[in-house]
C-alpha cells in the first residue's frame, strides 16, 4: 500500500510537468501506470474496472485509470473527441462478451475549476 502512495505522488508531479511541457498525449503512460499500481500495489481494483481500462487503452484512448474510491469506483479514459466513440463501443462490446452488466459511459470536457462569481 505504501508503495502505491509514494509512486502515485511521483506520478502526480510527473503528470503536472508533462502537461506544462508537452500536451495531454504525453500522460497516457502515467495514467496506465497509476492504474496498474492501484491494481497491484494497493489492491483496490476489480476485474470489470481492469477490463474497461485495458480496453480503452488498446482502443484509441490516450490513457485510462481508475478514479474515485475503488472497490466499485469508476474509470476515466483520456482521448481525443474523435476517438471517444471508438473506445466507448469497444468497452461496451467487451463487457457484453464477458457477461458483465453494461457500463454507464459518458463524455465530459475539461473546464476551469470552481471559482467565485461576481462581487
PDB file of N, CA and C in Angstrom:
ATOM      1  N   UNK A   1       0.824  -1.182   0.000  1.00  0.00           N
ATOM      2  CA  UNK A   1       0.000   0.000   0.000  1.00  0.00           C
ATOM      3  C   UNK A   1       0.877   1.259   0.000  1.00  0.00           C
ATOM      4  N   UNK A   2       1.900   1.272   0.819  1.00  0.00           N
ATOM      5  CA  UNK A   2       2.780   2.436   0.898  1.00  0.00           C
ATOM      6  C   UNK A   2       3.467   2.681  -0.443  1.00  0.00           C
ATOM      7  N   UNK A   3       3.851   1.600  -1.125  1.00  0.00           N
ATOM      8  CA  UNK A   3       4.493   1.761  -2.430  1.00  0.00           C
ATOM      9  C   UNK A   3       3.588   2.535  -3.380  1.00  0.00           C
ATOM     10  N   UNK A   4       2.289   2.208  -3.386  1.00  0.00           N
ATOM     11  CA  UNK A   4       1.366   2.919  -4.270  1.00  0.00           C
ATOM     12  C   UNK A   4       1.334   4.407  -3.931  1.00  0.00           C
ATOM     13  N   UNK A   5       1.219   4.740  -2.656  1.00  0.00           N
ATOM     14  CA  UNK A   5       1.121   6.141  -2.247  1.00  0.00           C
ATOM     15  C   UNK A   5       2.373   6.910  -2.671  1.00  0.00           C
ATOM     16  N   UNK A   6       3.526   6.343  -2.434  1.00  0.00           N
ATOM     17  CA  UNK A   6       4.771   7.029  -2.798  1.00  0.00           C
ATOM     18  C   UNK A   6       4.923   7.173  -4.306  1.00  0.00           C
ATOM     19  N   UNK A   7       4.658   6.102  -5.047  1.00  0.00           N
ATOM     20  CA  UNK A   7       4.814   6.184  -6.501  1.00  0.00           C
ATOM     21  C   UNK A   7       3.716   7.044  -7.129  1.00  0.00           C
ATOM     22  N   UNK A   8       2.540   7.065  -6.530  1.00  0.00           N
ATOM     23  CA  UNK A   8       1.459   7.907  -7.058  1.00  0.00           C
ATOM     24  C   UNK A   8       1.803   9.380  -6.872  1.00  0.00           C
ATOM     25  N   UNK A   9       2.406   9.728  -5.754  1.00  0.00           N
ATOM     26  CA  UNK A   9       2.850  11.118  -5.563  1.00  0.00           C
ATOM     27  C   UNK A   9       3.824  11.520  -6.666  1.00  0.00           C
ATOM     28  N   UNK A  10       4.744  10.641  -7.008  1.00  0.00           N
ATOM     29  CA  UNK A  10       5.684  10.921  -8.099  1.00  0.00           C
ATOM     30  C   UNK A  10       4.952  11.053  -9.433  1.00  0.00           C
ATOM     31  N   UNK A  11       3.944  10.212  -9.643  1.00  0.00           N
ATOM     32  CA  UNK A  11       3.194  10.290 -10.905  1.00  0.00           C
ATOM     33  C   UNK A  11       2.414  11.596 -11.014  1.00  0.00           C
ATOM     34  N   UNK A  12       1.907  12.107  -9.924  1.00  0.00           N
ATOM     35  CA  UNK A  12       1.204  13.400  -9.945  1.00  0.00           C
ATOM     36  C   UNK A  12       2.159  14.503 -10.368  1.00  0.00           C
ATOM     37  N   UNK A  13       3.338  14.517  -9.789  1.00  0.00           N
ATOM     38  CA  UNK A  13       4.350  15.520 -10.156  1.00  0.00           C
ATOM     39  C   UNK A  13       4.745  15.361 -11.623  1.00  0.00           C
ATOM     40  N   UNK A  14       4.957  14.119 -12.052  1.00  0.00           N
ATOM     41  CA  UNK A  14       5.318  13.860 -13.443  1.00  0.00           C
ATOM     42  C   UNK A  14       4.221  14.316 -14.394  1.00  0.00           C
ATOM     43  N   UNK A  15       2.969  14.068 -14.040  1.00  0.00           N
ATOM     44  CA  UNK A  15       1.848  14.485 -14.888  1.00  0.00           C
ATOM     45  C   UNK A  15       1.809  16.002 -15.021  1.00  0.00           C
ATOM     46  N   UNK A  16       1.961  16.708 -13.922  1.00  0.00           N
ATOM     47  CA  UNK A  16       1.953  18.172 -13.980  1.00  0.00           C
ATOM     48  C   UNK A  16       3.083  18.688 -14.867  1.00  0.00           C
ATOM     49  N   UNK A  17       4.264  18.090 -14.743  1.00  0.00           N
ATOM     50  CA  UNK A  17       5.391  18.509 -15.572  1.00  0.00           C
ATOM     51  C   UNK A  17       5.119  18.231 -17.044  1.00  0.00           C
ATOM     52  N   UNK A  18       4.596  17.051 -17.346  1.00  0.00           N
ATOM     53  CA  UNK A  18       4.311  16.707 -18.742  1.00  0.00           C
ATOM     54  C   UNK A  18       3.261  17.633 -19.341  1.00  0.00           C
ATOM     55  N   UNK A  19       2.240  17.967 -18.576  1.00  0.00           N
ATOM     56  CA  UNK A  19       1.196  18.854 -19.093  1.00  0.00           C
ATOM     57  C   UNK A  19       1.723  20.268 -19.311  1.00  0.00           C
ATOM     58  N   UNK A  20       2.641  20.698 -18.473  1.00  0.00           N
ATOM     59  CA  UNK A  20       3.236  22.030 -18.651  1.00  0.00           C
ATOM     60  C   UNK A  20       4.209  22.070 -19.816  1.00  0.00           C
ATOM     61  N   UNK A  21       4.915  20.973 -20.066  1.00  0.00           N
ATOM     62  CA  UNK A  21       5.957  20.943 -21.092  1.00  0.00           C
ATOM     63  C   UNK A  21       5.460  20.469 -22.452  1.00  0.00           C
ATOM     64  N   UNK A  22       4.502  19.569 -22.473  1.00  0.00           N
ATOM     65  CA  UNK A  22       4.089  18.948 -23.727  1.00  0.00           C
ATOM     66  C   UNK A  22       2.598  19.132 -23.952  1.00  0.00           C
ATOM     67  N   UNK A  23       1.880  18.027 -24.037  1.00  0.00           N
ATOM     68  CA  UNK A  23       0.444  18.071 -24.262  1.00  0.00           C
ATOM     69  C   UNK A  23      -0.200  16.860 -23.594  1.00  0.00           C
ATOM     70  N   UNK A  24      -1.516  16.773 -23.561  1.00  0.00           N
ATOM     71  CA  UNK A  24      -2.185  15.665 -22.874  1.00  0.00           C
ATOM     72  C   UNK A  24      -1.781  14.277 -23.374  1.00  0.00           C
ATOM     73  N   UNK A  25      -1.363  14.153 -24.611  1.00  0.00           N
ATOM     74  CA  UNK A  25      -0.948  12.843 -25.125  1.00  0.00           C
ATOM     75  C   UNK A  25       0.219  12.258 -24.335  1.00  0.00           C
ATOM     76  N   UNK A  26       1.002  13.119 -23.722  1.00  0.00           N
ATOM     77  CA  UNK A  26       2.200  12.675 -23.010  1.00  0.00           C
ATOM     78  C   UNK A  26       1.901  11.961 -21.700  1.00  0.00           C
ATOM     79  N   UNK A  27       0.682  12.085 -21.170  1.00  0.00           N
ATOM     80  CA  UNK A  27       0.407  11.498 -19.859  1.00  0.00           C
ATOM     81  C   UNK A  27      -0.233  10.111 -19.919  1.00  0.00           C
ATOM     82  N   UNK A  28      -0.430   9.585 -21.111  1.00  0.00           N
ATOM     83  CA  UNK A  28      -1.077   8.276 -21.248  1.00  0.00           C
ATOM     84  C   UNK A  28      -0.396   7.172 -20.468  1.00  0.00           C
ATOM     85  N   UNK A  29       0.910   7.073 -20.603  1.00  0.00           N
ATOM     86  CA  UNK A  29       1.654   6.025 -19.893  1.00  0.00           C
ATOM     87  C   UNK A  29       1.573   6.210 -18.380  1.00  0.00           C
ATOM     88  N   UNK A  30       1.530   7.450 -17.933  1.00  0.00           N
ATOM     89  CA  UNK A  30       1.439   7.710 -16.498  1.00  0.00           C
ATOM     90  C   UNK A  30       0.076   7.263 -15.969  1.00  0.00           C
ATOM     91  N   UNK A  31      -0.976   7.524 -16.737  1.00  0.00           N
ATOM     92  CA  UNK A  31      -2.313   7.076 -16.324  1.00  0.00           C
ATOM     93  C   UNK A  31      -2.365   5.555 -16.211  1.00  0.00           C
ATOM     94  N   UNK A  32      -1.817   4.867 -17.212  1.00  0.00           N
ATOM     95  CA  UNK A  32      -1.822   3.399 -17.174  1.00  0.00           C
ATOM     96  C   UNK A  32      -0.989   2.871 -16.003  1.00  0.00           C
ATOM     97  N   UNK A  33       0.146   3.500 -15.734  1.00  0.00           N
ATOM     98  CA  UNK A  33       0.981   3.082 -14.602  1.00  0.00           C
ATOM     99  C   UNK A  33       0.255   3.308 -13.281  1.00  0.00           C
ATOM    100  N   UNK A  34      -0.500   4.366 -13.201  1.00  0.00           N
ATOM    101  CA  UNK A  34      -1.267   4.650 -11.996  1.00  0.00           C
ATOM    102  C   UNK A  34      -2.301   3.558 -11.751  1.00  0.00           C
ATOM    103  N   UNK A  35      -3.002   3.160 -12.809  1.00  0.00           N
ATOM    104  CA  UNK A  35      -3.997   2.099 -12.649  1.00  0.00           C
ATOM    105  C   UNK A  35      -3.333   0.780 -12.255  1.00  0.00           C
ATOM    106  N   UNK A  36      -2.229   0.463 -12.898  1.00  0.00           N
ATOM    107  CA  UNK A  36      -1.528  -0.781 -12.563  1.00  0.00           C
ATOM    108  C   UNK A  36      -1.109  -0.785 -11.098  1.00  0.00           C
ATOM    109  N   UNK A  37      -0.668   0.349 -10.597  1.00  0.00           N
ATOM    110  CA  UNK A  37      -0.270   0.446  -9.195  1.00  0.00           C
ATOM    111  C   UNK A  37      -1.472   0.267  -8.268  1.00  0.00           C
ATOM    112  N   UNK A  38      -2.596   0.863  -8.631  1.00  0.00           N
ATOM    113  CA  UNK A  38      -3.796   0.692  -7.805  1.00  0.00           C
ATOM    114  C   UNK A  38      -4.234  -0.772  -7.782  1.00  0.00           C
ATOM    115  N   UNK A  39      -4.091  -1.427  -8.930  1.00  0.00           N
ATOM    116  CA  UNK A  39      -4.475  -2.837  -9.034  1.00  0.00           C
ATOM    117  C   UNK A  39      -3.499  -3.738  -8.284  1.00  0.00           C
ATOM    118  N   UNK A  40      -2.205  -3.545  -8.494  1.00  0.00           N
ATOM    119  CA  UNK A  40      -1.198  -4.477  -7.982  1.00  0.00           C
ATOM    120  C   UNK A  40      -0.667  -4.122  -6.597  1.00  0.00           C
ATOM    121  N   UNK A  41      -0.415  -2.838  -6.349  1.00  0.00           N
ATOM    122  CA  UNK A  41       0.186  -2.442  -5.075  1.00  0.00           C
ATOM    123  C   UNK A  41      -0.859  -2.122  -3.998  1.00  0.00           C
ATOM    124  N   UNK A  42      -1.933  -1.473  -4.416  1.00  0.00           N
ATOM    125  CA  UNK A  42      -2.944  -1.032  -3.453  1.00  0.00           C
ATOM    126  C   UNK A  42      -4.110  -2.013  -3.361  1.00  0.00           C
ATOM    127  N   UNK A  43      -4.257  -2.839  -4.394  1.00  0.00           N
ATOM    128  CA  UNK A  43      -5.278  -3.895  -4.450  1.00  0.00           C
ATOM    129  C   UNK A  43      -6.700  -3.349  -4.290  1.00  0.00           C
ATOM    130  N   UNK A  44      -7.012  -2.262  -5.024  1.00  0.00           N
ATOM    131  CA  UNK A  44      -8.345  -1.670  -4.912  1.00  0.00           C
ATOM    132  C   UNK A  44      -9.135  -1.707  -6.213  1.00  0.00           C
ATOM    133  N   UNK A  45      -8.642  -2.411  -7.202  1.00  0.00           N
ATOM    134  CA  UNK A  45      -9.378  -2.516  -8.459  1.00  0.00           C
ATOM    135  C   UNK A  45     -10.177  -3.812  -8.462  1.00  0.00           C
ATOM    136  N   UNK A  46     -10.889  -4.064  -9.538  1.00  0.00           N
ATOM    137  CA  UNK A  46     -11.637  -5.302  -9.705  1.00  0.00           C
ATOM    138  C   UNK A  46     -11.734  -5.607 -11.198  1.00  0.00           C
ATOM    139  N   UNK A  47     -12.090  -6.840 -11.575  1.00  0.00           N
ATOM    140  CA  UNK A  47     -11.984  -7.255 -12.976  1.00  0.00           C
ATOM    141  C   UNK A  47     -12.712  -6.371 -13.988  1.00  0.00           C
ATOM    142  N   UNK A  48     -13.914  -5.930 -13.691  1.00  0.00           N
ATOM    143  CA  UNK A  48     -14.647  -5.106 -14.653  1.00  0.00           C
ATOM    144  C   UNK A  48     -13.928  -3.780 -14.898  1.00  0.00           C
ATOM    145  N   UNK A  49     -13.406  -3.203 -13.835  1.00  0.00           N
ATOM    146  CA  UNK A  49     -12.685  -1.944 -13.971  1.00  0.00           C
ATOM    147  C   UNK A  49     -11.387  -2.130 -14.743  1.00  0.00           C
ATOM    148  N   UNK A  50     -10.684  -3.222 -14.459  1.00  0.00           N
ATOM    149  CA  UNK A  50      -9.460  -3.527 -15.209  1.00  0.00           C
ATOM    150  C   UNK A  50      -9.771  -3.713 -16.692  1.00  0.00           C
ATOM    151  N   UNK A  51     -10.894  -4.374 -16.987  1.00  0.00           N
ATOM    152  CA  UNK A  51     -11.283  -4.600 -18.380  1.00  0.00           C
ATOM    153  C   UNK A  51     -11.579  -3.272 -19.079  1.00  0.00           C
ATOM    154  N   UNK A  52     -12.276  -2.370 -18.404  1.00  0.00           N
ATOM    155  CA  UNK A  52     -12.582  -1.066 -19.002  1.00  0.00           C
ATOM    156  C   UNK A  52     -11.308  -0.286 -19.296  1.00  0.00           C
ATOM    157  N   UNK A  53     -10.382  -0.264 -18.339  1.00  0.00           N
ATOM    158  CA  UNK A  53      -9.125   0.483 -18.512  1.00  0.00           C
ATOM    159  C   UNK A  53      -8.288  -0.139 -19.630  1.00  0.00           C
ATOM    160  N   UNK A  54      -8.146  -1.454 -19.595  1.00  0.00           N
ATOM    161  CA  UNK A  54      -7.350  -2.127 -20.621  1.00  0.00           C
ATOM    162  C   UNK A  54      -7.951  -1.922 -22.011  1.00  0.00           C
ATOM    163  N   UNK A  55      -9.248  -2.075 -22.128  1.00  0.00           N
ATOM    164  CA  UNK A  55      -9.912  -1.941 -23.428  1.00  0.00           C
ATOM    165  C   UNK A  55      -9.804  -0.518 -23.958  1.00  0.00           C
ATOM    166  N   UNK A  56      -9.981   0.465 -23.090  1.00  0.00           N
ATOM    167  CA  UNK A  56      -9.829   1.858 -23.529  1.00  0.00           C
ATOM    168  C   UNK A  56      -8.424   2.082 -24.074  1.00  0.00           C
ATOM    169  N   UNK A  57      -7.433   1.526 -23.370  1.00  0.00           N
ATOM    170  CA  UNK A  57      -6.039   1.720 -23.770  1.00  0.00           C
ATOM    171  C   UNK A  57      -5.680   1.122 -25.110  1.00  0.00           C
ATOM    172  N   UNK A  58      -6.304   0.007 -25.452  1.00  0.00           N
ATOM    173  CA  UNK A  58      -5.988  -0.628 -26.739  1.00  0.00           C
ATOM    174  C   UNK A  58      -6.963  -0.243 -27.840  1.00  0.00           C
ATOM    175  N   UNK A  59      -7.912   0.643 -27.509  1.00  0.00           N
ATOM    176  CA  UNK A  59      -8.947   1.005 -28.477  1.00  0.00           C
ATOM    177  C   UNK A  59      -8.984   2.489 -28.803  1.00  0.00           C
ATOM    178  N   UNK A  60      -7.881   3.186 -28.584  1.00  0.00           N
ATOM    179  CA  UNK A  60      -7.816   4.578 -29.011  1.00  0.00           C
ATOM    180  C   UNK A  60      -7.707   5.613 -27.918  1.00  0.00           C
ATOM    181  N   UNK A  61      -7.827   5.234 -26.653  1.00  0.00           N
ATOM    182  CA  UNK A  61      -7.669   6.224 -25.584  1.00  0.00           C
ATOM    183  C   UNK A  61      -6.185   6.562 -25.416  1.00  0.00           C
ATOM    184  N   UNK A  62      -5.913   7.777 -25.040  1.00  0.00           N
ATOM    185  CA  UNK A  62      -4.541   8.196 -24.754  1.00  0.00           C
ATOM    186  C   UNK A  62      -4.052   7.495 -23.496  1.00  0.00           C
ATOM    187  N   UNK A  63      -4.924   7.391 -22.512  1.00  0.00           N
ATOM    188  CA  UNK A  63      -4.615   6.731 -21.253  1.00  0.00           C
ATOM    189  C   UNK A  63      -5.888   6.527 -20.463  1.00  0.00           C
ATOM    190  N   UNK A  64      -5.836   5.636 -19.478  1.00  0.00           N
ATOM    191  CA  UNK A  64      -7.011   5.375 -18.650  1.00  0.00           C
ATOM    192  C   UNK A  64      -6.554   4.894 -17.277  1.00  0.00           C
ATOM    193  N   UNK A  65      -7.408   5.102 -16.300  1.00  0.00           N
ATOM    194  CA  UNK A  65      -7.123   4.652 -14.934  1.00  0.00           C
ATOM    195  C   UNK A  65      -8.400   4.674 -14.116  1.00  0.00           C
ATOM    196  N   UNK A  66      -8.349   3.980 -12.997  1.00  0.00           N
ATOM    197  CA  UNK A  66      -9.434   4.024 -12.051  1.00  0.00           C
ATOM    198  C   UNK A  66      -9.465   5.405 -11.417  1.00  0.00           C
ATOM    199  N   UNK A  67     -10.641   5.837 -11.019  1.00  0.00           N
ATOM    200  CA  UNK A  67     -10.772   7.074 -10.268  1.00  0.00           C
ATOM    201  C   UNK A  67     -11.861   6.867  -9.228  1.00  0.00           C
ATOM    202  N   UNK A  68     -11.902   7.700  -8.263  1.00  0.00           N
ATOM    203  CA  UNK A  68     -12.885   7.533  -7.192  1.00  0.00           C
ATOM    204  C   UNK A  68     -12.335   6.657  -6.093  1.00  0.00           C
ATOM    205  N   UNK A  69     -13.200   6.020  -5.361  1.00  0.00           N
ATOM    206  CA  UNK A  69     -12.802   5.292  -4.172  1.00  0.00           C
ATOM    207  C   UNK A  69     -12.322   3.883  -4.380  1.00  0.00           C
ATOM    208  N   UNK A  70     -12.402   3.357  -5.566  1.00  0.00           N
ATOM    209  CA  UNK A  70     -12.010   1.968  -5.773  1.00  0.00           C
ATOM    210  C   UNK A  70     -13.087   1.031  -5.267  1.00  0.00           C
ATOM    211  N   UNK A  71     -12.837  -0.241  -5.369  1.00  0.00           N
ATOM    212  CA  UNK A  71     -13.791  -1.252  -4.921  1.00  0.00           C
ATOM    213  C   UNK A  71     -15.193  -0.974  -5.468  1.00  0.00           C
ATOM    214  N   UNK A  72     -15.280  -0.585  -6.705  1.00  0.00           N
ATOM    215  CA  UNK A  72     -16.570  -0.272  -7.295  1.00  0.00           C
ATOM    216  C   UNK A  72     -16.615   1.133  -7.839  1.00  0.00           C
ATOM    217  N   UNK A  73     -15.478   1.762  -7.938  1.00  0.00           N
ATOM    218  CA  UNK A  73     -15.386   3.133  -8.424  1.00  0.00           C
ATOM    219  C   UNK A  73     -15.601   3.226  -9.924  1.00  0.00           C
ATOM    220  N   UNK A  74     -14.992   4.194 -10.504  1.00  0.00           N
ATOM    221  CA  UNK A  74     -15.143   4.487 -11.919  1.00  0.00           C
ATOM    222  C   UNK A  74     -13.778   4.529 -12.578  1.00  0.00           C
ATOM    223  N   UNK A  75     -13.804   4.585 -13.893  1.00  0.00           N
ATOM    224  CA  UNK A  75     -12.575   4.757 -14.656  1.00  0.00           C
ATOM    225  C   UNK A  75     -12.709   6.024 -15.483  1.00  0.00           C
ATOM    226  N   UNK A  76     -11.575   6.662 -15.719  1.00  0.00           N
ATOM    227  CA  UNK A  76     -11.527   7.764 -16.672  1.00  0.00           C
ATOM    228  C   UNK A  76     -10.651   7.314 -17.830  1.00  0.00           C
ATOM    229  N   UNK A  77     -11.014   7.747 -18.997  1.00  0.00           N
ATOM    230  CA  UNK A  77     -10.209   7.477 -20.191  1.00  0.00           C
ATOM    231  C   UNK A  77     -10.035   8.811 -20.910  1.00  0.00           C
ATOM    232  N   UNK A  78      -8.793   9.184 -21.115  1.00  0.00           N
ATOM    233  CA  UNK A  78      -8.475  10.434 -21.793  1.00  0.00           C
ATOM    234  C   UNK A  78      -8.311  10.143 -23.273  1.00  0.00           C
ATOM    235  N   UNK A  79      -9.054  10.873 -24.085  1.00  0.00           N
ATOM    236  CA  UNK A  79      -8.954  10.651 -25.517  1.00  0.00           C
ATOM    237  C   UNK A  79      -9.349  11.877 -26.305  1.00  0.00           C
ATOM    238  N   UNK A  80      -8.995  11.854 -27.551  1.00  0.00           N
ATOM    239  CA  UNK A  80      -9.415  12.922 -28.445  1.00  0.00           C
ATOM    240  C   UNK A  80     -10.897  12.739 -28.748  1.00  0.00           C
ATOM    241  N   UNK A  81     -11.576  13.839 -28.971  1.00  0.00           N
ATOM    242  CA  UNK A  81     -13.021  13.784 -29.188  1.00  0.00           C
ATOM    243  C   UNK A  81     -13.399  12.812 -30.313  1.00  0.00           C
ATOM    244  N   UNK A  82     -12.598  12.784 -31.359  1.00  0.00           N
ATOM    245  CA  UNK A  82     -12.936  11.917 -32.495  1.00  0.00           C
ATOM    246  C   UNK A  82     -12.724  10.427 -32.219  1.00  0.00           C
ATOM    247  N   UNK A  83     -12.027  10.087 -31.140  1.00  0.00           N
ATOM    248  CA  UNK A  83     -11.795   8.669 -30.843  1.00  0.00           C
ATOM    249  C   UNK A  83     -12.673   8.127 -29.720  1.00  0.00           C
ATOM    250  N   UNK A  84     -13.448   8.983 -29.067  1.00  0.00           N
ATOM    251  CA  UNK A  84     -14.210   8.522 -27.912  1.00  0.00           C
ATOM    252  C   UNK A  84     -15.249   7.466 -28.268  1.00  0.00           C
ATOM    253  N   UNK A  85     -15.927   7.610 -29.401  1.00  0.00           N
ATOM    254  CA  UNK A  85     -16.906   6.588 -29.783  1.00  0.00           C
ATOM    255  C   UNK A  85     -16.248   5.240 -30.005  1.00  0.00           C
ATOM    256  N   UNK A  86     -15.037   5.245 -30.525  1.00  0.00           N
ATOM    257  CA  UNK A  86     -14.307   4.007 -30.793  1.00  0.00           C
ATOM    258  C   UNK A  86     -14.046   3.234 -29.511  1.00  0.00           C
ATOM    259  N   UNK A  87     -13.477   3.881 -28.497  1.00  0.00           N
ATOM    260  CA  UNK A  87     -13.192   3.110 -27.290  1.00  0.00           C
ATOM    261  C   UNK A  87     -14.428   2.893 -26.437  1.00  0.00           C
ATOM    262  N   UNK A  88     -15.441   3.753 -26.541  1.00  0.00           N
ATOM    263  CA  UNK A  88     -16.704   3.505 -25.837  1.00  0.00           C
ATOM    264  C   UNK A  88     -17.366   2.239 -26.370  1.00  0.00           C
ATOM    265  N   UNK A  89     -17.443   2.123 -27.682  1.00  0.00           N
ATOM    266  CA  UNK A  89     -18.038   0.930 -28.291  1.00  0.00           C
ATOM    267  C   UNK A  89     -17.240  -0.317 -27.943  1.00  0.00           C
ATOM    268  N   UNK A  90     -15.923  -0.217 -27.967  1.00  0.00           N
ATOM    269  CA  UNK A  90     -15.081  -1.373 -27.633  1.00  0.00           C
ATOM    270  C   UNK A  90     -15.316  -1.826 -26.193  1.00  0.00           C
ATOM    271  N   UNK A  91     -15.432  -0.892 -25.261  1.00  0.00           N
ATOM    272  CA  UNK A  91     -15.687  -1.247 -23.862  1.00  0.00           C
ATOM    273  C   UNK A  91     -17.055  -1.906 -23.728  1.00  0.00           C
ATOM    274  N   UNK A  92     -18.060  -1.335 -24.348  1.00  0.00           N
ATOM    275  CA  UNK A  92     -19.405  -1.924 -24.278  1.00  0.00           C
ATOM    276  C   UNK A  92     -19.399  -3.347 -24.834  1.00  0.00           C
ATOM    277  N   UNK A  93     -18.719  -3.556 -25.954  1.00  0.00           N
ATOM    278  CA  UNK A  93     -18.658  -4.888 -26.559  1.00  0.00           C
ATOM    279  C   UNK A  93     -17.912  -5.882 -25.677  1.00  0.00           C
ATOM    280  N   UNK A  94     -16.792  -5.461 -25.084  1.00  0.00           N
ATOM    281  CA  UNK A  94     -16.017  -6.347 -24.203  1.00  0.00           C
ATOM    282  C   UNK A  94     -16.825  -6.726 -22.960  1.00  0.00           C
ATOM    283  N   UNK A  95     -17.551  -5.768 -22.400  1.00  0.00           N
ATOM    284  CA  UNK A  95     -18.383  -6.065 -21.231  1.00  0.00           C
ATOM    285  C   UNK A  95     -19.473  -7.071 -21.597  1.00  0.00           C
ATOM    286  N   UNK A  96     -20.110  -6.865 -22.735  1.00  0.00           N
ATOM    287  CA  UNK A  96     -21.168  -7.787 -23.168  1.00  0.00           C
ATOM    288  C   UNK A  96     -20.594  -9.182 -23.397  1.00  0.00           C
ATOM    289  N   UNK A  97     -19.459  -9.262 -24.057  1.00  0.00           N
ATOM    290  CA  UNK A  97     -18.837 -10.561 -24.341  1.00  0.00           C
ATOM    291  C   UNK A  97     -18.430 -11.287 -23.058  1.00  0.00           C
ATOM    292  N   UNK A  98     -18.063 -10.523 -22.020  1.00  0.00           N
ATOM    293  CA  UNK A  98     -17.655 -11.121 -20.748  1.00  0.00           C
ATOM    294  C   UNK A  98     -18.842 -11.418 -19.837  1.00  0.00           C
ATOM    295  N   UNK A  99     -20.041 -11.032 -20.270  1.00  0.00           N
ATOM    296  CA  UNK A  99     -21.230 -11.270 -19.458  1.00  0.00           C
ATOM    297  C   UNK A  99     -21.411 -10.277 -18.326  1.00  0.00           C
ATOM    298  N   UNK A 100     -20.739  -9.136 -18.409  1.00  0.00           N
ATOM    299  CA  UNK A 100     -20.867  -8.106 -17.371  1.00  0.00           C
ATOM    300  C   UNK A 100     -22.059  -7.207 -17.677  1.00  0.00           C
ATOM    301  N   UNK A 101     -22.575  -6.591 -16.649  1.00  0.00           N
ATOM    302  CA  UNK A 101     -23.612  -5.576 -16.799  1.00  0.00           C
ATOM    303  C   UNK A 101     -23.055  -4.437 -17.655  1.00  0.00           C
ATOM    304  N   UNK A 102     -23.887  -3.870 -18.513  1.00  0.00           N
ATOM    305  CA  UNK A 102     -23.439  -2.781 -19.395  1.00  0.00           C
ATOM    306  C   UNK A 102     -22.940  -1.602 -18.561  1.00  0.00           C
ATOM    307  N   UNK A 103     -21.775  -1.073 -18.886  1.00  0.00           N
ATOM    308  CA  UNK A 103     -21.258   0.074 -18.131  1.00  0.00           C
ATOM    309  C   UNK A 103     -21.989   1.357 -18.511  1.00  0.00           C
ATOM    310  N   UNK A 104     -22.021   2.307 -17.600  1.00  0.00           N
ATOM    311  CA  UNK A 104     -22.530   3.643 -17.924  1.00  0.00           C
ATOM    312  C   UNK A 104     -21.339   4.474 -18.350  1.00  0.00           C
ATOM    313  N   UNK A 105     -21.367   4.936 -19.588  1.00  0.00           N
ATOM    314  CA  UNK A 105     -20.253   5.700 -20.148  1.00  0.00           C
ATOM    315  C   UNK A 105     -20.783   7.047 -20.616  1.00  0.00           C
ATOM    316  N   UNK A 106     -20.071   8.096 -20.264  1.00  0.00           N
ATOM    317  CA  UNK A 106     -20.458   9.419 -20.736  1.00  0.00           C
ATOM    318  C   UNK A 106     -19.206  10.256 -20.959  1.00  0.00           C
ATOM    319  N   UNK A 107     -19.305  11.144 -21.913  1.00  0.00           N
ATOM    320  CA  UNK A 107     -18.174  12.006 -22.267  1.00  0.00           C
ATOM    321  C   UNK A 107     -18.260  13.309 -21.489  1.00  0.00           C
ATOM    322  N   UNK A 108     -17.110  13.811 -21.127  1.00  0.00           N
ATOM    323  CA  UNK A 108     -17.014  15.114 -20.474  1.00  0.00           C
ATOM    324  C   UNK A 108     -15.898  15.898 -21.145  1.00  0.00           C
ATOM    325  N   UNK A 109     -15.912  17.181 -20.966  1.00  0.00           N
ATOM    326  CA  UNK A 109     -14.874  18.048 -21.495  1.00  0.00           C
ATOM    327  C   UNK A 109     -14.226  18.801 -20.351  1.00  0.00           C
ATOM    328  N   UNK A 110     -12.939  19.090 -20.454  1.00  0.00           N
ATOM    329  CA  UNK A 110     -12.274  19.827 -19.377  1.00  0.00           C
ATOM    330  C   UNK A 110     -12.819  21.253 -19.284  1.00  0.00           C
ATOM    331  N   UNK A 111     -12.796  21.766 -18.083  1.00  0.00           N
ATOM    332  CA  UNK A 111     -13.248  23.134 -17.842  1.00  0.00           C
ATOM    333  C   UNK A 111     -12.464  23.708 -16.672  1.00  0.00           C
ATOM    334  N   UNK A 112     -12.532  25.004 -16.508  1.00  0.00           N
ATOM    335  CA  UNK A 112     -11.891  25.638 -15.366  1.00  0.00           C
ATOM    336  C   UNK A 112     -12.530  25.121 -14.082  1.00  0.00           C
ATOM    337  N   UNK A 113     -11.789  25.134 -13.020  1.00  0.00           N
ATOM    338  CA  UNK A 113     -12.290  24.702 -11.726  1.00  0.00           C
ATOM    339  C   UNK A 113     -13.290  25.706 -11.148  1.00  0.00           C
ATOM    340  N   UNK A 114     -13.825  25.370  -9.988  1.00  0.00           N
ATOM    341  CA  UNK A 114     -14.781  26.245  -9.316  1.00  0.00           C
ATOM    342  C   UNK A 114     -14.116  27.566  -8.985  1.00  0.00           C
ATOM    343  N   UNK A 115     -14.896  28.604  -8.980  1.00  0.00           N
ATOM    344  CA  UNK A 115     -14.368  29.916  -8.649  1.00  0.00           C
ATOM    345  C   UNK A 115     -15.473  30.830  -8.169  1.00  0.00           C
ATOM    346  N   UNK A 116     -15.086  31.957  -7.681  1.00  0.00           N
ATOM    347  CA  UNK A 116     -16.038  32.942  -7.183  1.00  0.00           C
ATOM    348  C   UNK A 116     -16.577  33.765  -8.334  1.00  0.00           C
ATOM    349  N   UNK A 117     -17.875  33.961  -8.352  1.00  0.00           N
ATOM    350  CA  UNK A 117     -18.525  34.758  -9.402  1.00  0.00           C
ATOM    351  C   UNK A 117     -19.039  36.048  -8.784  1.00  0.00           C
ATOM    352  N   UNK A 118     -18.795  37.126  -9.466  1.00  0.00           N
ATOM    353  CA  UNK A 118     -19.339  38.413  -9.015  1.00  0.00           C
ATOM    354  C   UNK A 118     -18.553  39.063  -7.903  1.00  0.00           C
ATOM    355  N   UNK A 119     -19.208  40.054  -7.317  1.00  0.00           N
ATOM    356  CA  UNK A 119     -18.668  40.886  -6.242  1.00  0.00           C
ATOM    357  C   UNK A 119     -17.437  41.535  -6.704  1.00  0.00           C
TER     358      UNK A 119
END
